[in-house]
Amino acid sequence: MHGAARIADGEVKEEAKSLLVKKPHVLGRDAILEQPFDGQPTKTARSWRPLCHASTNKRWHEYLEQVRAFRALYAAASAAFRAGKMSVAFPPWSFRPSTSVRQGLIAT
């Protein structure tokens, strides 16, 4: 190695060492290249999204009760629909499953 290349190589190694001191979980080039291209992380820093953003606890609990009531209505309608009652009414602002697929399954 020539003088300039040796200096640059030394600087890169020094920087890598300082990064390992600051962030010991740095993988490095080789470890990154060894990972599968389509792999997914086993653990992420993301948490569950909040149900809603409310100004008070009372409003949050009111919204929670409305969500639970909606889900209960939808679950009851969905169970009736799956049992074969095609004219069941689903709650407002929801969509019932497509009947074309269901009728095709009944015919077979």
N, C-alpha and C. Protein backbone atom coordinates (compact mmCIF):
# COMPACT_ATOMS: atom_id res chain seq x y z
N MET A 1 0.84 -1.18 0.00
CA MET A 1 0.00 0.00 0.00
C MET A 1 0.88 1.24 0.00
N HIS A 2 0.46 2.22 -0.73
CA HIS A 2 1.18 3.49 -0.75
C HIS A 2 0.79 4.32 0.45
N GLY A 3 1.52 5.38 0.68
CA GLY A 3 1.32 6.21 1.87
C GLY A 3 -0.08 6.75 2.01
N ALA A 4 -0.66 7.30 0.93
CA ALA A 4 -2.00 7.90 1.00
C ALA A 4 -3.06 6.82 1.26
N ALA A 5 -2.90 5.68 0.61
CA ALA A 5 -3.86 4.59 0.79
C ALA A 5 -3.79 4.05 2.22
N ARG A 6 -2.58 3.97 2.75
CA ARG A 6 -2.40 3.48 4.12
C ARG A 6 -3.05 4.44 5.12
N ILE A 7 -2.90 5.74 4.87
CA ILE A 7 -3.50 6.75 5.75
C ILE A 7 -5.03 6.66 5.68
N ALA A 8 -5.56 6.55 4.46
CA ALA A 8 -7.02 6.46 4.29
C ALA A 8 -7.55 5.19 4.95
N ASP A 9 -6.83 4.08 4.78
CA ASP A 9 -7.26 2.82 5.39
C ASP A 9 -7.25 2.94 6.91
N GLY A 10 -6.24 3.58 7.44
CA GLY A 10 -6.17 3.78 8.89
C GLY A 10 -7.30 4.65 9.40
N GLU A 11 -7.65 5.69 8.64
CA GLU A 11 -8.76 6.56 9.04
C GLU A 11 -10.09 5.82 9.02
N VAL A 12 -10.28 4.98 8.02
CA VAL A 12 -11.52 4.19 7.94
C VAL A 12 -11.61 3.24 9.13
N LYS A 13 -10.51 2.59 9.47
CA LYS A 13 -10.52 1.67 10.60
C LYS A 13 -10.75 2.41 11.92
N GLU A 14 -10.17 3.59 12.06
CA GLU A 14 -10.39 4.40 13.27
C GLU A 14 -11.87 4.78 13.39
N GLU A 15 -12.46 5.18 12.27
CA GLU A 15 -13.88 5.57 12.27
C GLU A 15 -14.75 4.36 12.62
N ALA A 16 -14.40 3.19 12.10
CA ALA A 16 -15.16 1.99 12.42
C ALA A 16 -15.07 1.66 13.91
N LYS A 17 -13.89 1.81 14.48
CA LYS A 17 -13.72 1.56 15.91
C LYS A 17 -14.54 2.54 16.74
N SER A 18 -14.52 3.82 16.34
CA SER A 18 -15.29 4.81 17.10
C SER A 18 -16.79 4.55 16.99
N LEU A 19 -17.25 4.07 15.84
CA LEU A 19 -18.66 3.73 15.70
C LEU A 19 -19.03 2.55 16.60
N LEU A 20 -18.15 1.57 16.69
CA LEU A 20 -18.42 0.42 17.54
C LEU A 20 -18.49 0.81 19.01
N VAL A 21 -17.72 1.82 19.40
CA VAL A 21 -17.78 2.30 20.78
C VAL A 21 -19.10 3.01 21.02
N LYS A 22 -19.50 3.85 20.06
CA LYS A 22 -20.75 4.61 20.20
C LYS A 22 -21.98 3.70 20.06
N LYS A 23 -21.97 2.87 19.04
CA LYS A 23 -23.11 2.00 18.74
C LYS A 23 -22.59 0.58 18.54
N PRO A 24 -22.55 -0.22 19.59
CA PRO A 24 -21.97 -1.56 19.47
C PRO A 24 -22.79 -2.51 18.60
N HIS A 25 -24.02 -2.14 18.24
CA HIS A 25 -24.84 -3.03 17.43
C HIS A 25 -24.70 -2.78 15.93
N VAL A 26 -23.74 -1.98 15.52
CA VAL A 26 -23.52 -1.74 14.10
C VAL A 26 -23.05 -3.04 13.47
N LEU A 27 -23.71 -3.45 12.39
CA LEU A 27 -23.40 -4.72 11.76
C LEU A 27 -22.11 -4.69 10.96
N GLY A 28 -21.95 -3.69 10.16
CA GLY A 28 -20.80 -3.65 9.27
C GLY A 28 -21.16 -4.15 7.89
N ARG A 29 -20.28 -3.89 6.94
CA ARG A 29 -20.55 -4.20 5.54
C ARG A 29 -20.78 -5.68 5.30
N ASP A 30 -19.88 -6.52 5.80
CA ASP A 30 -19.97 -7.96 5.52
C ASP A 30 -21.23 -8.57 6.12
N ALA A 31 -21.58 -8.18 7.34
CA ALA A 31 -22.78 -8.73 7.97
C ALA A 31 -24.04 -8.29 7.23
N ILE A 32 -24.04 -7.07 6.74
CA ILE A 32 -25.20 -6.59 5.98
C ILE A 32 -25.33 -7.36 4.67
N LEU A 33 -24.22 -7.59 4.00
CA LEU A 33 -24.27 -8.31 2.72
C LEU A 33 -24.62 -9.78 2.90
N GLU A 34 -24.38 -10.35 4.07
CA GLU A 34 -24.73 -11.75 4.32
C GLU A 34 -26.22 -11.94 4.57
N GLN A 35 -26.93 -10.88 4.89
CA GLN A 35 -28.36 -11.00 5.17
C GLN A 35 -29.12 -11.29 3.87
N PRO A 36 -30.21 -12.07 3.97
CA PRO A 36 -31.01 -12.31 2.76
C PRO A 36 -31.65 -11.01 2.27
N PHE A 37 -31.71 -10.86 0.96
CA PHE A 37 -32.24 -9.63 0.38
C PHE A 37 -33.69 -9.39 0.78
N ASP A 38 -34.49 -10.44 0.81
CA ASP A 38 -35.91 -10.30 1.11
C ASP A 38 -36.23 -10.63 2.57
N GLY A 39 -35.22 -10.66 3.43
CA GLY A 39 -35.44 -10.97 4.84
C GLY A 39 -36.18 -9.86 5.56
N GLN A 40 -36.84 -10.21 6.65
CA GLN A 40 -37.57 -9.23 7.44
C GLN A 40 -37.00 -9.20 8.85
N PRO A 41 -37.07 -8.07 9.51
CA PRO A 41 -36.54 -7.99 10.87
C PRO A 41 -37.35 -8.85 11.84
N THR A 42 -36.67 -9.45 12.81
CA THR A 42 -37.38 -10.24 13.80
C THR A 42 -37.99 -9.36 14.87
N LYS A 43 -37.45 -8.17 15.03
CA LYS A 43 -37.94 -7.26 16.06
C LYS A 43 -37.83 -5.84 15.52
N THR A 44 -38.87 -5.05 15.70
CA THR A 44 -38.82 -3.66 15.25
C THR A 44 -39.07 -2.74 16.43
N ALA A 45 -38.76 -1.48 16.24
CA ALA A 45 -38.95 -0.49 17.30
C ALA A 45 -40.36 0.09 17.27
N ARG A 46 -41.17 -0.38 16.36
CA ARG A 46 -42.52 0.18 16.24
C ARG A 46 -43.45 -0.44 17.27
N SER A 47 -44.35 0.37 17.77
CA SER A 47 -45.34 -0.11 18.73
C SER A 47 -46.71 -0.07 18.08
N TRP A 48 -47.71 -0.59 18.78
CA TRP A 48 -49.07 -0.59 18.27
C TRP A 48 -49.53 0.85 18.08
N ARG A 49 -50.34 1.06 17.06
CA ARG A 49 -50.89 2.40 16.87
C ARG A 49 -52.00 2.63 17.87
N PRO A 50 -52.20 3.85 18.31
CA PRO A 50 -53.25 4.12 19.29
C PRO A 50 -54.63 3.96 18.68
N LEU A 51 -55.60 3.62 19.51
CA LEU A 51 -56.97 3.48 19.04
C LEU A 51 -57.48 4.80 18.51
N CYS A 52 -57.23 5.87 19.24
CA CYS A 52 -57.61 7.21 18.80
C CYS A 52 -56.81 8.23 19.61
N HIS A 53 -56.89 9.47 19.21
CA HIS A 53 -56.28 10.56 19.96
C HIS A 53 -57.42 11.39 20.53
N ALA A 54 -57.60 11.35 21.82
CA ALA A 54 -58.70 12.06 22.46
C ALA A 54 -58.15 13.10 23.43
N SER A 55 -58.95 14.12 23.67
CA SER A 55 -58.49 15.19 24.56
C SER A 55 -58.62 14.82 26.03
N THR A 56 -59.52 13.90 26.35
CA THR A 56 -59.70 13.47 27.74
C THR A 56 -59.87 11.96 27.80
N ASN A 57 -59.67 11.41 28.99
CA ASN A 57 -59.87 9.97 29.18
C ASN A 57 -61.33 9.59 28.96
N LYS A 58 -62.23 10.48 29.36
CA LYS A 58 -63.65 10.20 29.20
C LYS A 58 -63.99 10.02 27.71
N ARG A 59 -63.48 10.91 26.87
CA ARG A 59 -63.74 10.82 25.43
C ARG A 59 -63.12 9.55 24.85
N TRP A 60 -61.94 9.19 25.33
CA TRP A 60 -61.28 7.98 24.84
C TRP A 60 -62.11 6.75 25.17
N HIS A 61 -62.63 6.69 26.41
CA HIS A 61 -63.44 5.54 26.81
C HIS A 61 -64.77 5.51 26.06
N GLU A 62 -65.35 6.68 25.79
CA GLU A 62 -66.57 6.73 24.98
C GLU A 62 -66.31 6.17 23.58
N TYR A 63 -65.20 6.56 23.00
CA TYR A 63 -64.85 6.05 21.68
C TYR A 63 -64.61 4.54 21.73
N LEU A 64 -63.95 4.08 22.76
CA LEU A 64 -63.69 2.65 22.91
C LEU A 64 -65.01 1.87 22.97
N GLU A 65 -65.99 2.37 23.71
CA GLU A 65 -67.29 1.70 23.78
C GLU A 65 -67.98 1.67 22.42
N GLN A 66 -67.86 2.76 21.66
CA GLN A 66 -68.45 2.79 20.32
C GLN A 66 -67.78 1.78 19.40
N VAL A 67 -66.46 1.68 19.49
CA VAL A 67 -65.74 0.71 18.67
C VAL A 67 -66.15 -0.71 19.04
N ARG A 68 -66.26 -0.99 20.32
CA ARG A 68 -66.67 -2.32 20.77
C ARG A 68 -68.08 -2.65 20.31
N ALA A 69 -68.98 -1.68 20.38
CA ALA A 69 -70.36 -1.90 19.93
C ALA A 69 -70.39 -2.17 18.43
N PHE A 70 -69.63 -1.40 17.66
CA PHE A 70 -69.56 -1.60 16.21
C PHE A 70 -69.03 -2.99 15.89
N ARG A 71 -67.97 -3.39 16.57
CA ARG A 71 -67.38 -4.71 16.31
C ARG A 71 -68.34 -5.83 16.68
N ALA A 72 -69.10 -5.65 17.75
CA ALA A 72 -70.08 -6.67 18.14
C ALA A 72 -71.18 -6.78 17.09
N LEU A 73 -71.67 -5.64 16.60
CA LEU A 73 -72.69 -5.66 15.55
C LEU A 73 -72.16 -6.32 14.28
N TYR A 74 -70.94 -5.98 13.92
CA TYR A 74 -70.35 -6.55 12.71
C TYR A 74 -70.14 -8.06 12.87
N ALA A 75 -69.68 -8.48 14.04
CA ALA A 75 -69.45 -9.91 14.28
C ALA A 75 -70.76 -10.69 14.19
N ALA A 76 -71.84 -10.13 14.74
CA ALA A 76 -73.14 -10.80 14.68
C ALA A 76 -73.63 -10.88 13.23
N ALA A 77 -73.50 -9.79 12.49
CA ALA A 77 -73.93 -9.79 11.09
C ALA A 77 -73.08 -10.75 10.26
N SER A 78 -71.79 -10.77 10.52
CA SER A 78 -70.90 -11.66 9.79
C SER A 78 -71.22 -13.12 10.06
N ALA A 79 -71.51 -13.45 11.31
CA ALA A 79 -71.87 -14.84 11.64
C ALA A 79 -73.15 -15.25 10.93
N ALA A 80 -74.14 -14.36 10.91
CA ALA A 80 -75.40 -14.67 10.22
C ALA A 80 -75.16 -14.82 8.72
N PHE A 81 -74.32 -13.96 8.16
CA PHE A 81 -74.02 -14.03 6.72
C PHE A 81 -73.33 -15.34 6.38
N ARG A 82 -72.37 -15.74 7.21
CA ARG A 82 -71.66 -16.99 6.96
C ARG A 82 -72.55 -18.20 7.15
N ALA A 83 -73.61 -18.04 7.95
CA ALA A 83 -74.55 -19.13 8.16
C ALA A 83 -75.52 -19.25 6.99
N GLY A 84 -75.49 -18.30 6.06
CA GLY A 84 -76.33 -18.40 4.87
C GLY A 84 -77.42 -17.36 4.76
N LYS A 85 -77.58 -16.52 5.75
CA LYS A 85 -78.60 -15.47 5.70
C LYS A 85 -78.03 -14.30 4.88
N MET A 86 -78.39 -14.28 3.60
CA MET A 86 -77.81 -13.30 2.68
C MET A 86 -78.38 -11.90 2.85
N SER A 87 -79.54 -11.76 3.47
CA SER A 87 -80.18 -10.45 3.58
C SER A 87 -79.85 -9.75 4.90
N VAL A 88 -78.88 -10.25 5.63
CA VAL A 88 -78.53 -9.65 6.91
C VAL A 88 -78.02 -8.22 6.71
N ALA A 89 -78.38 -7.33 7.63
CA ALA A 89 -77.96 -5.93 7.55
C ALA A 89 -76.67 -5.74 8.33
N PHE A 90 -75.67 -5.21 7.67
CA PHE A 90 -74.40 -4.90 8.33
C PHE A 90 -74.47 -3.49 8.90
N PRO A 91 -73.66 -3.19 9.92
CA PRO A 91 -73.70 -1.85 10.52
C PRO A 91 -73.35 -0.76 9.50
N PRO A 92 -73.83 0.46 9.75
CA PRO A 92 -73.49 1.56 8.84
C PRO A 92 -71.97 1.75 8.76
N TRP A 93 -71.50 2.17 7.61
CA TRP A 93 -70.10 2.45 7.32
C TRP A 93 -69.24 1.19 7.30
N SER A 94 -69.87 0.04 7.04
CA SER A 94 -69.10 -1.19 6.88
C SER A 94 -69.54 -1.86 5.58
N PHE A 95 -68.75 -2.79 5.12
CA PHE A 95 -69.05 -3.48 3.87
C PHE A 95 -69.25 -4.96 4.16
N ARG A 96 -70.29 -5.50 3.58
CA ARG A 96 -70.49 -6.93 3.72
C ARG A 96 -69.66 -7.64 2.66
N PRO A 97 -69.33 -8.90 2.87
CA PRO A 97 -68.54 -9.62 1.88
C PRO A 97 -69.28 -9.75 0.55
N SER A 98 -68.54 -9.97 -0.49
CA SER A 98 -69.12 -10.13 -1.82
C SER A 98 -69.98 -11.38 -1.87
N THR A 99 -71.11 -11.29 -2.55
CA THR A 99 -72.00 -12.46 -2.65
C THR A 99 -71.66 -13.31 -3.86
N SER A 100 -70.94 -12.79 -4.83
CA SER A 100 -70.65 -13.57 -6.03
C SER A 100 -69.76 -14.77 -5.69
N VAL A 101 -68.80 -14.60 -4.84
CA VAL A 101 -67.94 -15.71 -4.44
C VAL A 101 -68.74 -16.70 -3.61
N ARG A 102 -69.54 -16.19 -2.70
CA ARG A 102 -70.34 -17.06 -1.83
C ARG A 102 -71.31 -17.89 -2.65
N GLN A 103 -71.99 -17.30 -3.63
CA GLN A 103 -72.94 -18.05 -4.45
C GLN A 103 -72.21 -19.10 -5.27
N GLY A 104 -71.00 -18.78 -5.72
CA GLY A 104 -70.22 -19.76 -6.45
C GLY A 104 -69.84 -20.94 -5.58
N LEU A 105 -69.58 -20.69 -4.31
CA LEU A 105 -69.24 -21.78 -3.39
C LEU A 105 -70.46 -22.62 -3.06
N ILE A 106 -71.63 -21.99 -2.96
CA ILE A 106 -72.86 -22.73 -2.65
C ILE A 106 -73.23 -23.64 -3.80
N ALA A 107 -72.99 -23.19 -5.04
CA ALA A 107 -73.38 -23.96 -6.22
C ALA A 107 -72.55 -25.24 -6.36
N THR A 108 -71.36 -25.27 -5.81
CA THR A 108 -70.50 -26.46 -5.99
C THR A 108 -70.72 -27.50 -4.95
